[in-house]
Amino acid sequence: MYQVDIIEAKEKLLELIEAAMRGEEVEISKDNQPVVKLVGIPKQAKPDRQPGSAKGMVWMSDDFDEPLEEFKEYME
């Protein structure tokens, strides 16, 4: 664990954030009492994609290819 006073943390914030992203825990203290802990957020694993997993969830109407009534005057 990496412990630093709040005044020093103010000057080295980027360095402390980078340390937390590397997996180190960083405690920031005020008057020798810990007040904040920086920890990195782990990357989320992406779920495996499965072909066909959305089957039945998507449909298309029978008249999908028919001209739209609103555009009839442009198609003449």
C-alpha atoms as a PDB file:
ATOM      1  CA  MET A   1       0.000   0.000   0.000  1.00  0.00           C
ATOM      2  CA  TYR A   2       1.178   3.458  -0.900  1.00  0.00           C
ATOM      3  CA  GLN A   3       0.355   6.191   1.649  1.00  0.00           C
ATOM      4  CA  VAL A   4       0.710   9.903   0.971  1.00  0.00           C
ATOM      5  CA  ASP A   5      -0.337  13.128   2.709  1.00  0.00           C
ATOM      6  CA  ILE A   6      -3.116  15.153   1.078  1.00  0.00           C
ATOM      7  CA  ILE A   7      -0.729  18.040   0.265  1.00  0.00           C
ATOM      8  CA  GLU A   8       1.680  15.691  -1.508  1.00  0.00           C
ATOM      9  CA  ALA A   9      -1.248  13.956  -3.230  1.00  0.00           C
ATOM     10  CA  LYS A  10      -2.368  17.267  -4.678  1.00  0.00           C
ATOM     11  CA  GLU A  11       1.038  17.686  -6.326  1.00  0.00           C
ATOM     12  CA  LYS A  12       1.319  14.048  -7.527  1.00  0.00           C
ATOM     13  CA  LEU A  13      -2.274  13.178  -8.439  1.00  0.00           C
ATOM     14  CA  LEU A  14      -1.455  11.830 -11.916  1.00  0.00           C
ATOM     15  CA  GLU A  15       1.313   9.635 -10.506  1.00  0.00           C
ATOM     16  CA  LEU A  16      -1.030   8.307  -7.799  1.00  0.00           C
ATOM     17  CA  ILE A  17      -3.754   7.531 -10.317  1.00  0.00           C
ATOM     18  CA  GLU A  18      -1.268   5.639 -12.474  1.00  0.00           C
ATOM     19  CA  ALA A  19      -0.138   3.640  -9.422  1.00  0.00           C
ATOM     20  CA  ALA A  20      -3.762   2.724  -8.663  1.00  0.00           C
ATOM     21  CA  MET A  21      -4.267   1.663 -12.290  1.00  0.00           C
ATOM     22  CA  ARG A  22      -1.263  -0.668 -11.937  1.00  0.00           C
ATOM     23  CA  GLY A  23      -3.056  -2.378  -9.055  1.00  0.00           C
ATOM     24  CA  GLU A  24      -1.518  -0.588  -6.082  1.00  0.00           C
ATOM     25  CA  GLU A  25      -3.758   0.727  -3.323  1.00  0.00           C
ATOM     26  CA  VAL A  26      -3.096   4.383  -2.596  1.00  0.00           C
ATOM     27  CA  GLU A  27      -4.214   5.945   0.678  1.00  0.00           C
ATOM     28  CA  ILE A  28      -4.397   9.694   1.025  1.00  0.00           C
ATOM     29  CA  SER A  29      -4.246  10.958   4.589  1.00  0.00           C
ATOM     30  CA  LYS A  30      -4.935  14.202   6.377  1.00  0.00           C
ATOM     31  CA  ASP A  31      -3.423  14.822   9.806  1.00  0.00           C
ATOM     32  CA  ASN A  32      -2.052  11.247   9.721  1.00  0.00           C
ATOM     33  CA  GLN A  33      -5.569   9.815   9.346  1.00  0.00           C
ATOM     34  CA  PRO A  34      -6.516   8.010   6.108  1.00  0.00           C
ATOM     35  CA  VAL A  35      -9.358   9.843   4.370  1.00  0.00           C
ATOM     36  CA  VAL A  36      -9.337   8.524   0.787  1.00  0.00           C
ATOM     37  CA  LYS A  37      -8.280   5.309  -0.897  1.00  0.00           C
ATOM     38  CA  LEU A  38      -7.566   5.131  -4.624  1.00  0.00           C
ATOM     39  CA  VAL A  39      -7.965   1.746  -6.257  1.00  0.00           C
ATOM     40  CA  GLY A  40      -8.045   0.868  -9.924  1.00  0.00           C
ATOM     41  CA  ILE A  41     -11.216  -0.444 -11.500  1.00  0.00           C
ATOM     42  CA  PRO A  42     -10.633  -3.889 -13.013  1.00  0.00           C
ATOM     43  CA  LYS A  43     -11.413  -4.328 -16.686  1.00  0.00           C
ATOM     44  CA  GLN A  44     -14.694  -6.074 -17.325  1.00  0.00           C
ATOM     45  CA  ALA A  45     -14.451  -9.312 -19.235  1.00  0.00           C
ATOM     46  CA  LYS A  46     -16.558  -9.271 -22.366  1.00  0.00           C
ATOM     47  CA  PRO A  47     -19.107 -12.057 -22.542  1.00  0.00           C
ATOM     48  CA  ASP A  48     -18.590 -14.656 -25.225  1.00  0.00           C
ATOM     49  CA  ARG A  49     -20.680 -13.993 -28.298  1.00  0.00           C
ATOM     50  CA  GLN A  50     -22.862 -16.855 -29.435  1.00  0.00           C
ATOM     51  CA  PRO A  51     -24.057 -17.036 -33.055  1.00  0.00           C
ATOM     52  CA  GLY A  52     -27.836 -17.162 -33.202  1.00  0.00           C
ATOM     53  CA  SER A  53     -28.332 -15.934 -29.636  1.00  0.00           C
ATOM     54  CA  ALA A  54     -30.820 -13.274 -30.830  1.00  0.00           C
ATOM     55  CA  LYS A  55     -32.850 -15.722 -32.905  1.00  0.00           C
ATOM     56  CA  GLY A  56     -36.548 -14.909 -32.652  1.00  0.00           C
ATOM     57  CA  MET A  57     -35.894 -11.455 -31.201  1.00  0.00           C
ATOM     58  CA  VAL A  58     -35.759  -9.664 -34.568  1.00  0.00           C
ATOM     59  CA  TRP A  59     -38.485  -9.778 -37.194  1.00  0.00           C
ATOM     60  CA  MET A  60     -39.339  -8.022 -40.419  1.00  0.00           C
ATOM     61  CA  SER A  61     -42.848  -7.306 -41.611  1.00  0.00           C
ATOM     62  CA  ASP A  62     -44.109  -8.987 -44.781  1.00  0.00           C
ATOM     63  CA  ASP A  63     -44.497  -5.638 -46.549  1.00  0.00           C
ATOM     64  CA  PHE A  64     -40.961  -4.448 -45.735  1.00  0.00           C
ATOM     65  CA  ASP A  65     -40.021  -4.014 -49.426  1.00  0.00           C
ATOM     66  CA  GLU A  66     -43.270  -2.296 -50.416  1.00  0.00           C
ATOM     67  CA  PRO A  67     -43.064   1.418 -51.286  1.00  0.00           C
ATOM     68  CA  LEU A  68     -44.056   3.778 -48.518  1.00  0.00           C
ATOM     69  CA  GLU A  69     -47.246   5.762 -49.013  1.00  0.00           C
ATOM     70  CA  GLU A  70     -45.446   8.972 -47.999  1.00  0.00           C
ATOM     71  CA  PHE A  71     -42.988   8.638 -50.903  1.00  0.00           C
ATOM     72  CA  LYS A  72     -45.517   7.626 -53.557  1.00  0.00           C
ATOM     73  CA  GLU A  73     -45.463  11.045 -55.292  1.00  0.00           C
ATOM     74  CA  TYR A  74     -41.652  10.884 -55.650  1.00  0.00           C
ATOM     75  CA  MET A  75     -41.727   7.458 -57.276  1.00  0.00           C
ATOM     76  CA  GLU A  76     -44.053   8.377 -60.161  1.00  0.00           C
END
